[in-house]
């Protein structure tokens, strides 16, 4: 019997200036994973940034309300991160579940992203 690895990459971007990834976490889509991602975000961003996300409930429970904006699909605020996810999946076959080279362990999956 084979166990499937279900992992989602979550990233935070410095969206308008550098488009740089400021933090990432690989895990499931639980509130606990959202908390882990929040811990990895540098303090300067936590204090001085507005975070645009999709309508995922875990983000609502972790990001302070005055810094959180739920971006509608047509708003364009999540386009850069969605494009980045697509590019990763195209260029790194280990991230694609149906590929033969898919990483079977979470450690290999994270090592591929770093």
PDB file of N, CA and C in Angstrom:
ATOM      1  N   UNK A   1       0.847  -1.177   0.000  1.00  0.00           N
ATOM      2  CA  UNK A   1       0.000   0.000   0.000  1.00  0.00           C
ATOM      3  C   UNK A   1       0.896   1.246   0.000  1.00  0.00           C
ATOM      4  N   UNK A   2       0.564   2.208  -0.815  1.00  0.00           N
ATOM      5  CA  UNK A   2       1.344   3.432  -0.925  1.00  0.00           C
ATOM      6  C   UNK A   2       0.597   4.575  -0.266  1.00  0.00           C
ATOM      7  N   UNK A   3       1.319   5.324   0.547  1.00  0.00           N
ATOM      8  CA  UNK A   3       0.721   6.527   1.136  1.00  0.00           C
ATOM      9  C   UNK A   3       0.945   7.681   0.178  1.00  0.00           C
ATOM     10  N   UNK A   4      -0.066   8.481  -0.020  1.00  0.00           N
ATOM     11  CA  UNK A   4       0.085   9.654  -0.869  1.00  0.00           C
ATOM     12  C   UNK A   4       0.439  10.848   0.005  1.00  0.00           C
ATOM     13  N   UNK A   5       1.322  11.667  -0.489  1.00  0.00           N
ATOM     14  CA  UNK A   5       1.711  12.885   0.214  1.00  0.00           C
ATOM     15  C   UNK A   5       0.841  14.020  -0.292  1.00  0.00           C
ATOM     16  N   UNK A   6       0.038  14.553   0.578  1.00  0.00           N
ATOM     17  CA  UNK A   6      -0.801  15.687   0.215  1.00  0.00           C
ATOM     18  C   UNK A   6      -0.235  16.915   0.910  1.00  0.00           C
ATOM     19  N   UNK A   7       0.429  17.740   0.149  1.00  0.00           N
ATOM     20  CA  UNK A   7       1.052  18.931   0.723  1.00  0.00           C
ATOM     21  C   UNK A   7       0.744  20.124  -0.174  1.00  0.00           C
ATOM     22  N   UNK A   8       0.545  21.243   0.442  1.00  0.00           N
ATOM     23  CA  UNK A   8       0.325  22.483  -0.278  1.00  0.00           C
ATOM     24  C   UNK A   8       1.410  23.448   0.132  1.00  0.00           C
ATOM     25  N   UNK A   9       1.948  24.130  -0.853  1.00  0.00           N
ATOM     26  CA  UNK A   9       2.928  25.157  -0.556  1.00  0.00           C
ATOM     27  C   UNK A   9       2.194  26.469  -0.352  1.00  0.00           C
ATOM     28  N   UNK A  10       2.549  27.135   0.696  1.00  0.00           N
ATOM     29  CA  UNK A  10       1.964  28.439   0.970  1.00  0.00           C
ATOM     30  C   UNK A  10       3.101  29.436   1.046  1.00  0.00           C
ATOM     31  N   UNK A  11       2.945  30.562   0.384  1.00  0.00           N
ATOM     32  CA  UNK A  11       4.009  31.546   0.313  1.00  0.00           C
ATOM     33  C   UNK A  11       3.482  32.916   0.693  1.00  0.00           C
ATOM     34  N   UNK A  12       4.363  33.760   1.096  1.00  0.00           N
ATOM     35  CA  UNK A  12       4.057  35.167   1.287  1.00  0.00           C
ATOM     36  C   UNK A  12       5.037  35.940   0.442  1.00  0.00           C
ATOM     37  N   UNK A  13       4.545  36.891  -0.287  1.00  0.00           N
ATOM     38  CA  UNK A  13       5.339  37.696  -1.202  1.00  0.00           C
ATOM     39  C   UNK A  13       5.438  39.138  -0.740  1.00  0.00           C
ATOM     40  N   UNK A  14       6.564  39.751  -1.052  1.00  0.00           N
ATOM     41  CA  UNK A  14       6.674  41.201  -1.019  1.00  0.00           C
ATOM     42  C   UNK A  14       6.188  41.614  -2.407  1.00  0.00           C
ATOM     43  N   UNK A  15       4.891  41.735  -2.551  1.00  0.00           N
ATOM     44  CA  UNK A  15       4.217  41.749  -3.841  1.00  0.00           C
ATOM     45  C   UNK A  15       4.592  42.924  -4.747  1.00  0.00           C
ATOM     46  N   UNK A  16       4.520  44.125  -4.253  1.00  0.00           N
ATOM     47  CA  UNK A  16       4.620  45.264  -5.156  1.00  0.00           C
ATOM     48  C   UNK A  16       6.035  45.735  -5.416  1.00  0.00           C
ATOM     49  N   UNK A  17       6.966  45.485  -4.522  1.00  0.00           N
ATOM     50  CA  UNK A  17       8.322  45.990  -4.724  1.00  0.00           C
ATOM     51  C   UNK A  17       9.215  44.965  -5.408  1.00  0.00           C
ATOM     52  N   UNK A  18       9.482  43.843  -4.750  1.00  0.00           N
ATOM     53  CA  UNK A  18      10.477  42.903  -5.255  1.00  0.00           C
ATOM     54  C   UNK A  18       9.889  41.599  -5.768  1.00  0.00           C
ATOM     55  N   UNK A  19       8.659  41.298  -5.432  1.00  0.00           N
ATOM     56  CA  UNK A  19       8.015  40.015  -5.763  1.00  0.00           C
ATOM     57  C   UNK A  19       8.807  38.851  -5.191  1.00  0.00           C
ATOM     58  N   UNK A  20       9.497  39.094  -4.100  1.00  0.00           N
ATOM     59  CA  UNK A  20      10.305  38.088  -3.443  1.00  0.00           C
ATOM     60  C   UNK A  20       9.467  37.269  -2.474  1.00  0.00           C
ATOM     61  N   UNK A  21       9.759  35.988  -2.373  1.00  0.00           N
ATOM     62  CA  UNK A  21       9.106  35.145  -1.374  1.00  0.00           C
ATOM     63  C   UNK A  21       9.696  35.521  -0.020  1.00  0.00           C
ATOM     64  N   UNK A  22       8.847  35.874   0.938  1.00  0.00           N
ATOM     65  CA  UNK A  22       9.348  36.245   2.266  1.00  0.00           C
ATOM     66  C   UNK A  22       9.217  35.112   3.267  1.00  0.00           C
ATOM     67  N   UNK A  23       8.379  34.113   2.979  1.00  0.00           N
ATOM     68  CA  UNK A  23       8.239  32.949   3.854  1.00  0.00           C
ATOM     69  C   UNK A  23       7.496  31.863   3.096  1.00  0.00           C
ATOM     70  N   UNK A  24       7.768  30.601   3.455  1.00  0.00           N
ATOM     71  CA  UNK A  24       6.974  29.516   2.888  1.00  0.00           C
ATOM     72  C   UNK A  24       6.852  28.395   3.907  1.00  0.00           C
ATOM     73  N   UNK A  25       5.809  27.623   3.761  1.00  0.00           N
ATOM     74  CA  UNK A  25       5.565  26.475   4.625  1.00  0.00           C
ATOM     75  C   UNK A  25       4.922  25.383   3.785  1.00  0.00           C
ATOM     76  N   UNK A  26       5.381  24.165   3.960  1.00  0.00           N
ATOM     77  CA  UNK A  26       4.775  23.028   3.270  1.00  0.00           C
ATOM     78  C   UNK A  26       4.004  22.235   4.304  1.00  0.00           C
ATOM     79  N   UNK A  27       2.730  22.025   4.054  1.00  0.00           N
ATOM     80  CA  UNK A  27       1.898  21.286   4.994  1.00  0.00           C
ATOM     81  C   UNK A  27       0.510  21.085   4.426  1.00  0.00           C
ATOM     82  N   UNK A  28      -0.397  20.677   5.282  1.00  0.00           N
ATOM     83  CA  UNK A  28      -1.777  20.477   4.840  1.00  0.00           C
ATOM     84  C   UNK A  28      -2.512  21.826   4.866  1.00  0.00           C
ATOM     85  N   UNK A  29      -3.786  21.806   4.616  1.00  0.00           N
ATOM     86  CA  UNK A  29      -4.547  23.061   4.569  1.00  0.00           C
ATOM     87  C   UNK A  29      -5.261  23.335   5.888  1.00  0.00           C
ATOM     88  N   UNK A  30      -4.591  23.039   6.986  1.00  0.00           N
ATOM     89  CA  UNK A  30      -5.191  23.233   8.303  1.00  0.00           C
ATOM     90  C   UNK A  30      -4.839  24.606   8.870  1.00  0.00           C
ATOM     91  N   UNK A  31      -5.527  24.961   9.928  1.00  0.00           N
ATOM     92  CA  UNK A  31      -5.235  26.208  10.633  1.00  0.00           C
ATOM     93  C   UNK A  31      -3.830  26.155  11.232  1.00  0.00           C
ATOM     94  N   UNK A  32      -3.413  24.975  11.656  1.00  0.00           N
ATOM     95  CA  UNK A  32      -2.081  24.815  12.221  1.00  0.00           C
ATOM     96  C   UNK A  32      -0.996  25.160  11.197  1.00  0.00           C
ATOM     97  N   UNK A  33      -1.185  24.755   9.941  1.00  0.00           N
ATOM     98  CA  UNK A  33      -0.227  25.104   8.889  1.00  0.00           C
ATOM     99  C   UNK A  33      -0.203  26.611   8.637  1.00  0.00           C
ATOM    100  N   UNK A  34      -1.361  27.232   8.696  1.00  0.00           N
ATOM    101  CA  UNK A  34      -1.418  28.688   8.531  1.00  0.00           C
ATOM    102  C   UNK A  34      -0.661  29.383   9.661  1.00  0.00           C
ATOM    103  N   UNK A  35      -0.770  28.861  10.869  1.00  0.00           N
ATOM    104  CA  UNK A  35      -0.038  29.419  12.014  1.00  0.00           C
ATOM    105  C   UNK A  35       1.470  29.255  11.828  1.00  0.00           C
ATOM    106  N   UNK A  36       1.873  28.090  11.314  1.00  0.00           N
ATOM    107  CA  UNK A  36       3.296  27.850  11.067  1.00  0.00           C
ATOM    108  C   UNK A  36       3.840  28.823  10.025  1.00  0.00           C
ATOM    109  N   UNK A  37       3.063  29.075   8.980  1.00  0.00           N
ATOM    110  CA  UNK A  37       3.475  30.049   7.971  1.00  0.00           C
ATOM    111  C   UNK A  37       3.593  31.434   8.595  1.00  0.00           C
ATOM    112  N   UNK A  38       2.624  31.810   9.406  1.00  0.00           N
ATOM    113  CA  UNK A  38       2.628  33.126  10.050  1.00  0.00           C
ATOM    114  C   UNK A  38       3.880  33.299  10.927  1.00  0.00           C
ATOM    115  N   UNK A  39       4.289  32.250  11.627  1.00  0.00           N
ATOM    116  CA  UNK A  39       5.489  32.310  12.468  1.00  0.00           C
ATOM    117  C   UNK A  39       6.744  32.600  11.657  1.00  0.00           C
ATOM    118  N   UNK A  40       6.765  32.136  10.412  1.00  0.00           N
ATOM    119  CA  UNK A  40       7.953  32.271   9.563  1.00  0.00           C
ATOM    120  C   UNK A  40       8.060  33.632   8.882  1.00  0.00           C
ATOM    121  N   UNK A  41       7.002  34.406   8.923  1.00  0.00           N
ATOM    122  CA  UNK A  41       7.034  35.730   8.293  1.00  0.00           C
ATOM    123  C   UNK A  41       7.837  36.676   9.168  1.00  0.00           C
ATOM    124  N   UNK A  42       8.839  37.374   8.611  1.00  0.00           N
ATOM    125  CA  UNK A  42       9.638  38.312   9.411  1.00  0.00           C
ATOM    126  C   UNK A  42       8.765  39.376  10.090  1.00  0.00           C
ATOM    127  N   UNK A  43       9.169  39.763  11.288  1.00  0.00           N
ATOM    128  CA  UNK A  43       8.401  40.704  12.104  1.00  0.00           C
ATOM    129  C   UNK A  43       8.082  42.016  11.419  1.00  0.00           C
ATOM    130  N   UNK A  44       9.002  42.533  10.619  1.00  0.00           N
ATOM    131  CA  UNK A  44       8.765  43.817   9.939  1.00  0.00           C
ATOM    132  C   UNK A  44       7.553  43.727   9.012  1.00  0.00           C
ATOM    133  N   UNK A  45       7.361  42.574   8.379  1.00  0.00           N
ATOM    134  CA  UNK A  45       6.203  42.393   7.503  1.00  0.00           C
ATOM    135  C   UNK A  45       4.931  42.213   8.317  1.00  0.00           C
ATOM    136  N   UNK A  46       5.046  41.518   9.438  1.00  0.00           N
ATOM    137  CA  UNK A  46       3.867  41.325  10.285  1.00  0.00           C
ATOM    138  C   UNK A  46       3.339  42.654  10.808  1.00  0.00           C
ATOM    139  N   UNK A  47       4.229  43.592  11.065  1.00  0.00           N
ATOM    140  CA  UNK A  47       3.826  44.887  11.628  1.00  0.00           C
ATOM    141  C   UNK A  47       3.346  45.875  10.573  1.00  0.00           C
ATOM    142  N   UNK A  48       3.948  45.839   9.380  1.00  0.00           N
ATOM    143  CA  UNK A  48       3.743  46.926   8.421  1.00  0.00           C
ATOM    144  C   UNK A  48       3.103  46.520   7.100  1.00  0.00           C
ATOM    145  N   UNK A  49       2.495  45.352   7.027  1.00  0.00           N
ATOM    146  CA  UNK A  49       1.981  44.881   5.739  1.00  0.00           C
ATOM    147  C   UNK A  49       0.497  44.586   5.767  1.00  0.00           C
ATOM    148  N   UNK A  50      -0.080  44.621   4.578  1.00  0.00           N
ATOM    149  CA  UNK A  50      -1.441  44.146   4.362  1.00  0.00           C
ATOM    150  C   UNK A  50      -1.306  42.841   3.584  1.00  0.00           C
ATOM    151  N   UNK A  51      -2.036  41.820   3.995  1.00  0.00           N
ATOM    152  CA  UNK A  51      -1.944  40.500   3.377  1.00  0.00           C
ATOM    153  C   UNK A  51      -3.199  40.218   2.569  1.00  0.00           C
ATOM    154  N   UNK A  52      -3.027  40.007   1.273  1.00  0.00           N
ATOM    155  CA  UNK A  52      -4.120  39.662   0.372  1.00  0.00           C
ATOM    156  C   UNK A  52      -4.123  38.148   0.205  1.00  0.00           C
ATOM    157  N   UNK A  53      -5.248  37.506   0.521  1.00  0.00           N
ATOM    158  CA  UNK A  53      -5.331  36.055   0.429  1.00  0.00           C
ATOM    159  C   UNK A  53      -6.619  35.641  -0.263  1.00  0.00           C
ATOM    160  N   UNK A  54      -6.717  34.339  -0.530  1.00  0.00           N
ATOM    161  CA  UNK A  54      -7.986  33.811  -0.999  1.00  0.00           C
ATOM    162  C   UNK A  54      -8.914  33.682   0.214  1.00  0.00           C
ATOM    163  N   UNK A  55     -10.085  33.147   0.016  1.00  0.00           N
ATOM    164  CA  UNK A  55     -11.105  33.099   1.072  1.00  0.00           C
ATOM    165  C   UNK A  55     -10.972  31.838   1.931  1.00  0.00           C
ATOM    166  N   UNK A  56      -9.783  31.515   2.320  1.00  0.00           N
ATOM    167  CA  UNK A  56      -9.518  30.325   3.122  1.00  0.00           C
ATOM    168  C   UNK A  56      -9.668  30.674   4.593  1.00  0.00           C
ATOM    169  N   UNK A  57     -10.498  29.932   5.318  1.00  0.00           N
ATOM    170  CA  UNK A  57     -10.825  30.255   6.711  1.00  0.00           C
ATOM    171  C   UNK A  57      -9.619  30.284   7.635  1.00  0.00           C
ATOM    172  N   UNK A  58      -8.644  29.428   7.389  1.00  0.00           N
ATOM    173  CA  UNK A  58      -7.463  29.381   8.273  1.00  0.00           C
ATOM    174  C   UNK A  58      -6.716  30.711   8.279  1.00  0.00           C
ATOM    175  N   UNK A  59      -6.640  31.394   7.127  1.00  0.00           N
ATOM    176  CA  UNK A  59      -5.977  32.700   7.091  1.00  0.00           C
ATOM    177  C   UNK A  59      -6.736  33.709   7.951  1.00  0.00           C
ATOM    178  N   UNK A  60      -8.047  33.632   7.905  1.00  0.00           N
ATOM    179  CA  UNK A  60      -8.863  34.577   8.676  1.00  0.00           C
ATOM    180  C   UNK A  60      -8.620  34.440  10.172  1.00  0.00           C
ATOM    181  N   UNK A  61      -8.295  33.241  10.622  1.00  0.00           N
ATOM    182  CA  UNK A  61      -8.079  33.029  12.051  1.00  0.00           C
ATOM    183  C   UNK A  61      -6.660  33.384  12.490  1.00  0.00           C
ATOM    184  N   UNK A  62      -5.741  33.530  11.558  1.00  0.00           N
ATOM    185  CA  UNK A  62      -4.340  33.772  11.903  1.00  0.00           C
ATOM    186  C   UNK A  62      -3.909  35.222  11.647  1.00  0.00           C
ATOM    187  N   UNK A  63      -4.287  35.768  10.514  1.00  0.00           N
ATOM    188  CA  UNK A  63      -3.868  37.133  10.149  1.00  0.00           C
ATOM    189  C   UNK A  63      -4.794  38.140  10.830  1.00  0.00           C
ATOM    190  N   UNK A  64      -4.220  39.158  11.481  1.00  0.00           N
ATOM    191  CA  UNK A  64      -5.061  40.179  12.126  1.00  0.00           C
ATOM    192  C   UNK A  64      -6.029  40.821  11.128  1.00  0.00           C
ATOM    193  N   UNK A  65      -7.260  41.059  11.567  1.00  0.00           N
ATOM    194  CA  UNK A  65      -8.308  41.581  10.676  1.00  0.00           C
ATOM    195  C   UNK A  65      -7.934  42.898  10.002  1.00  0.00           C
ATOM    196  N   UNK A  66      -7.232  43.764  10.720  1.00  0.00           N
ATOM    197  CA  UNK A  66      -6.889  45.066  10.130  1.00  0.00           C
ATOM    198  C   UNK A  66      -5.778  44.957   9.077  1.00  0.00           C
ATOM    199  N   UNK A  67      -5.151  43.782   8.937  1.00  0.00           N
ATOM    200  CA  UNK A  67      -4.090  43.581   7.952  1.00  0.00           C
ATOM    201  C   UNK A  67      -4.480  42.567   6.878  1.00  0.00           C
ATOM    202  N   UNK A  68      -5.692  42.039   6.940  1.00  0.00           N
ATOM    203  CA  UNK A  68      -6.100  40.969   6.044  1.00  0.00           C
ATOM    204  C   UNK A  68      -7.173  41.439   5.077  1.00  0.00           C
ATOM    205  N   UNK A  69      -6.925  41.208   3.791  1.00  0.00           N
ATOM    206  CA  UNK A  69      -7.903  41.511   2.756  1.00  0.00           C
ATOM    207  C   UNK A  69      -8.147  40.235   1.971  1.00  0.00           C
ATOM    208  N   UNK A  70      -9.398  39.807   1.900  1.00  0.00           N
ATOM    209  CA  UNK A  70      -9.756  38.654   1.084  1.00  0.00           C
ATOM    210  C   UNK A  70      -9.903  39.140  -0.348  1.00  0.00           C
ATOM    211  N   UNK A  71      -9.041  38.628  -1.223  1.00  0.00           N
ATOM    212  CA  UNK A  71      -9.020  39.077  -2.618  1.00  0.00           C
ATOM    213  C   UNK A  71      -9.980  38.224  -3.441  1.00  0.00           C
ATOM    214  N   UNK A  72     -10.907  38.870  -4.116  1.00  0.00           N
ATOM    215  CA  UNK A  72     -11.814  38.167  -5.019  1.00  0.00           C
ATOM    216  C   UNK A  72     -11.019  37.631  -6.204  1.00  0.00           C
ATOM    217  N   UNK A  73     -11.560  36.610  -6.859  1.00  0.00           N
ATOM    218  CA  UNK A  73     -10.867  36.002  -7.994  1.00  0.00           C
ATOM    219  C   UNK A  73     -10.489  37.005  -9.069  1.00  0.00           C
ATOM    220  N   UNK A  74     -11.331  37.911  -9.382  1.00  0.00           N
ATOM    221  CA  UNK A  74     -11.067  38.869 -10.446  1.00  0.00           C
ATOM    222  C   UNK A  74     -10.247  40.076 -10.039  1.00  0.00           C
ATOM    223  N   UNK A  75      -9.859  40.164  -8.771  1.00  0.00           N
ATOM    224  CA  UNK A  75      -9.162  41.351  -8.282  1.00  0.00           C
ATOM    225  C   UNK A  75      -7.729  41.467  -8.776  1.00  0.00           C
ATOM    226  N   UNK A  76      -7.081  40.340  -9.071  1.00  0.00           N
ATOM    227  CA  UNK A  76      -5.699  40.368  -9.538  1.00  0.00           C
ATOM    228  C   UNK A  76      -4.662  40.327  -8.431  1.00  0.00           C
ATOM    229  N   UNK A  77      -5.081  40.405  -7.171  1.00  0.00           N
ATOM    230  CA  UNK A  77      -4.124  40.437  -6.070  1.00  0.00           C
ATOM    231  C   UNK A  77      -3.418  39.100  -5.832  1.00  0.00           C
ATOM    232  N   UNK A  78      -3.993  38.005  -6.275  1.00  0.00           N
ATOM    233  CA  UNK A  78      -3.351  36.701  -6.076  1.00  0.00           C
ATOM    234  C   UNK A  78      -2.747  36.142  -7.369  1.00  0.00           C
ATOM    235  N   UNK A  79      -2.758  36.931  -8.447  1.00  0.00           N
ATOM    236  CA  UNK A  79      -2.236  36.453  -9.728  1.00  0.00           C
ATOM    237  C   UNK A  79      -0.765  36.061  -9.663  1.00  0.00           C
ATOM    238  N   UNK A  80       0.052  36.859  -8.991  1.00  0.00           N
ATOM    239  CA  UNK A  80       1.491  36.606  -8.961  1.00  0.00           C
ATOM    240  C   UNK A  80       1.787  35.284  -8.259  1.00  0.00           C
ATOM    241  N   UNK A  81       1.161  35.049  -7.129  1.00  0.00           N
ATOM    242  CA  UNK A  81       1.422  33.803  -6.408  1.00  0.00           C
ATOM    243  C   UNK A  81       0.883  32.601  -7.180  1.00  0.00           C
ATOM    244  N   UNK A  82      -0.268  32.734  -7.820  1.00  0.00           N
ATOM    245  CA  UNK A  82      -0.800  31.625  -8.617  1.00  0.00           C
ATOM    246  C   UNK A  82       0.110  31.329  -9.805  1.00  0.00           C
ATOM    247  N   UNK A  83       0.645  32.370 -10.441  1.00  0.00           N
ATOM    248  CA  UNK A  83       1.587  32.179 -11.547  1.00  0.00           C
ATOM    249  C   UNK A  83       2.853  31.485 -11.051  1.00  0.00           C
ATOM    250  N   UNK A  84       3.330  31.871  -9.868  1.00  0.00           N
ATOM    251  CA  UNK A  84       4.519  31.254  -9.279  1.00  0.00           C
ATOM    252  C   UNK A  84       4.270  29.768  -9.022  1.00  0.00           C
ATOM    253  N   UNK A  85       3.106  29.419  -8.484  1.00  0.00           N
ATOM    254  CA  UNK A  85       2.762  28.014  -8.237  1.00  0.00           C
ATOM    255  C   UNK A  85       2.754  27.218  -9.537  1.00  0.00           C
ATOM    256  N   UNK A  86       2.178  27.774 -10.579  1.00  0.00           N
ATOM    257  CA  UNK A  86       2.143  27.091 -11.874  1.00  0.00           C
ATOM    258  C   UNK A  86       3.548  26.892 -12.429  1.00  0.00           C
ATOM    259  N   UNK A  87       4.383  27.922 -12.317  1.00  0.00           N
ATOM    260  CA  UNK A  87       5.754  27.829 -12.801  1.00  0.00           C
ATOM    261  C   UNK A  87       6.521  26.750 -12.051  1.00  0.00           C
ATOM    262  N   UNK A  88       6.359  26.694 -10.720  1.00  0.00           N
ATOM    263  CA  UNK A  88       7.025  25.648  -9.938  1.00  0.00           C
ATOM    264  C   UNK A  88       6.603  24.261 -10.405  1.00  0.00           C
ATOM    265  N   UNK A  89       5.306  24.067 -10.584  1.00  0.00           N
ATOM    266  CA  UNK A  89       4.819  22.753 -11.005  1.00  0.00           C
ATOM    267  C   UNK A  89       5.327  22.378 -12.395  1.00  0.00           C
ATOM    268  N   UNK A  90       5.463  23.357 -13.281  1.00  0.00           N
ATOM    269  CA  UNK A  90       5.963  23.084 -14.625  1.00  0.00           C
ATOM    270  C   UNK A  90       7.454  22.755 -14.623  1.00  0.00           C
ATOM    271  N   UNK A  91       8.216  23.456 -13.808  1.00  0.00           N
ATOM    272  CA  UNK A  91       9.674  23.303 -13.839  1.00  0.00           C
ATOM    273  C   UNK A  91      10.218  22.233 -12.904  1.00  0.00           C
ATOM    274  N   UNK A  92       9.472  21.896 -11.861  1.00  0.00           N
ATOM    275  CA  UNK A  92       9.950  20.929 -10.882  1.00  0.00           C
ATOM    276  C   UNK A  92       8.938  19.785 -10.813  1.00  0.00           C
ATOM    277  N   UNK A  93       9.206  18.729 -11.547  1.00  0.00           N
ATOM    278  CA  UNK A  93       8.236  17.643 -11.646  1.00  0.00           C
ATOM    279  C   UNK A  93       7.993  16.943 -10.309  1.00  0.00           C
ATOM    280  N   UNK A  94       8.907  17.069  -9.361  1.00  0.00           N
ATOM    281  CA  UNK A  94       8.722  16.442  -8.051  1.00  0.00           C
ATOM    282  C   UNK A  94       7.512  17.012  -7.300  1.00  0.00           C
ATOM    283  N   UNK A  95       7.026  18.167  -7.712  1.00  0.00           N
ATOM    284  CA  UNK A  95       5.899  18.797  -7.034  1.00  0.00           C
ATOM    285  C   UNK A  95       4.550  18.383  -7.614  1.00  0.00           C
ATOM    286  N   UNK A  96       4.557  17.630  -8.707  1.00  0.00           N
ATOM    287  CA  UNK A  96       3.325  17.235  -9.380  1.00  0.00           C
ATOM    288  C   UNK A  96       2.956  15.825  -8.946  1.00  0.00           C
ATOM    289  N   UNK A  97       1.809  15.684  -8.296  1.00  0.00           N
ATOM    290  CA  UNK A  97       1.400  14.415  -7.707  1.00  0.00           C
ATOM    291  C   UNK A  97       1.371  13.265  -8.703  1.00  0.00           C
ATOM    292  N   UNK A  98       0.963  13.498  -9.933  1.00  0.00           N
ATOM    293  CA  UNK A  98       0.828  12.409 -10.900  1.00  0.00           C
ATOM    294  C   UNK A  98       2.137  12.074 -11.619  1.00  0.00           C
ATOM    295  N   UNK A  99       3.211  12.821 -11.346  1.00  0.00           N
ATOM    296  CA  UNK A  99       4.488  12.559 -12.008  1.00  0.00           C
ATOM    297  C   UNK A  99       5.209  11.389 -11.351  1.00  0.00           C
ATOM    298  N   UNK A 100       5.978  10.654 -12.125  1.00  0.00           N
ATOM    299  CA  UNK A 100       6.745   9.529 -11.592  1.00  0.00           C
ATOM    300  C   UNK A 100       7.808   9.982 -10.601  1.00  0.00           C
ATOM    301  N   UNK A 101       8.286  11.201 -10.755  1.00  0.00           N
ATOM    302  CA  UNK A 101       9.356  11.704  -9.892  1.00  0.00           C
ATOM    303  C   UNK A 101       8.839  12.418  -8.646  1.00  0.00           C
ATOM    304  N   UNK A 102       7.539  12.332  -8.374  1.00  0.00           N
ATOM    305  CA  UNK A 102       6.949  13.017  -7.218  1.00  0.00           C
ATOM    306  C   UNK A 102       7.648  12.594  -5.933  1.00  0.00           C
ATOM    307  N   UNK A 103       8.021  13.552  -5.089  1.00  0.00           N
ATOM    308  CA  UNK A 103       8.701  13.266  -3.827  1.00  0.00           C
ATOM    309  C   UNK A 103       7.770  12.502  -2.891  1.00  0.00           C
ATOM    310  N   UNK A 104       8.244  11.394  -2.388  1.00  0.00           N
ATOM    311  CA  UNK A 104       7.426  10.543  -1.526  1.00  0.00           C
ATOM    312  C   UNK A 104       7.478  10.956  -0.057  1.00  0.00           C
ATOM    313  N   UNK A 105       8.473  11.742   0.309  1.00  0.00           N
ATOM    314  CA  UNK A 105       8.583  12.185   1.700  1.00  0.00           C
ATOM    315  C   UNK A 105       8.525  13.704   1.760  1.00  0.00           C
ATOM    316  N   UNK A 106       8.044  14.199   2.873  1.00  0.00           N
ATOM    317  CA  UNK A 106       7.922  15.650   3.048  1.00  0.00           C
ATOM    318  C   UNK A 106       9.299  16.315   3.045  1.00  0.00           C
ATOM    319  N   UNK A 107      10.318  15.626   3.560  1.00  0.00           N
ATOM    320  CA  UNK A 107      11.674  16.194   3.586  1.00  0.00           C
ATOM    321  C   UNK A 107      12.196  16.428   2.166  1.00  0.00           C
ATOM    322  N   UNK A 108      11.975  15.457   1.282  1.00  0.00           N
ATOM    323  CA  UNK A 108      12.406  15.623  -0.109  1.00  0.00           C
ATOM    324  C   UNK A 108      11.621  16.722  -0.808  1.00  0.00           C
ATOM    325  N   UNK A 109      10.355  16.821  -0.475  1.00  0.00           N
ATOM    326  CA  UNK A 109       9.491  17.846  -1.069  1.00  0.00           C
ATOM    327  C   UNK A 109      10.000  19.240  -0.682  1.00  0.00           C
ATOM    328  N   UNK A 110      10.289  19.433   0.591  1.00  0.00           N
ATOM    329  CA  UNK A 110      10.795  20.723   1.073  1.00  0.00           C
ATOM    330  C   UNK A 110      12.175  21.012   0.488  1.00  0.00           C
ATOM    331  N   UNK A 111      13.030  19.992   0.435  1.00  0.00           N
ATOM    332  CA  UNK A 111      14.360  20.177  -0.133  1.00  0.00           C
ATOM    333  C   UNK A 111      14.321  20.607  -1.582  1.00  0.00           C
ATOM    334  N   UNK A 112      13.341  20.146  -2.313  1.00  0.00           N
ATOM    335  CA  UNK A 112      13.181  20.533  -3.715  1.00  0.00           C
ATOM    336  C   UNK A 112      12.843  22.012  -3.847  1.00  0.00           C
ATOM    337  N   UNK A 113      12.029  22.520  -2.946  1.00  0.00           N
ATOM    338  CA  UNK A 113      11.586  23.915  -3.002  1.00  0.00           C
ATOM    339  C   UNK A 113      12.688  24.872  -2.585  1.00  0.00           C
ATOM    340  N   UNK A 114      13.429  24.506  -1.557  1.00  0.00           N
ATOM    341  CA  UNK A 114      14.504  25.393  -1.075  1.00  0.00           C
ATOM    342  C   UNK A 114      15.521  25.556  -2.138  1.00  0.00           C
TER     343      UNK A 114
END
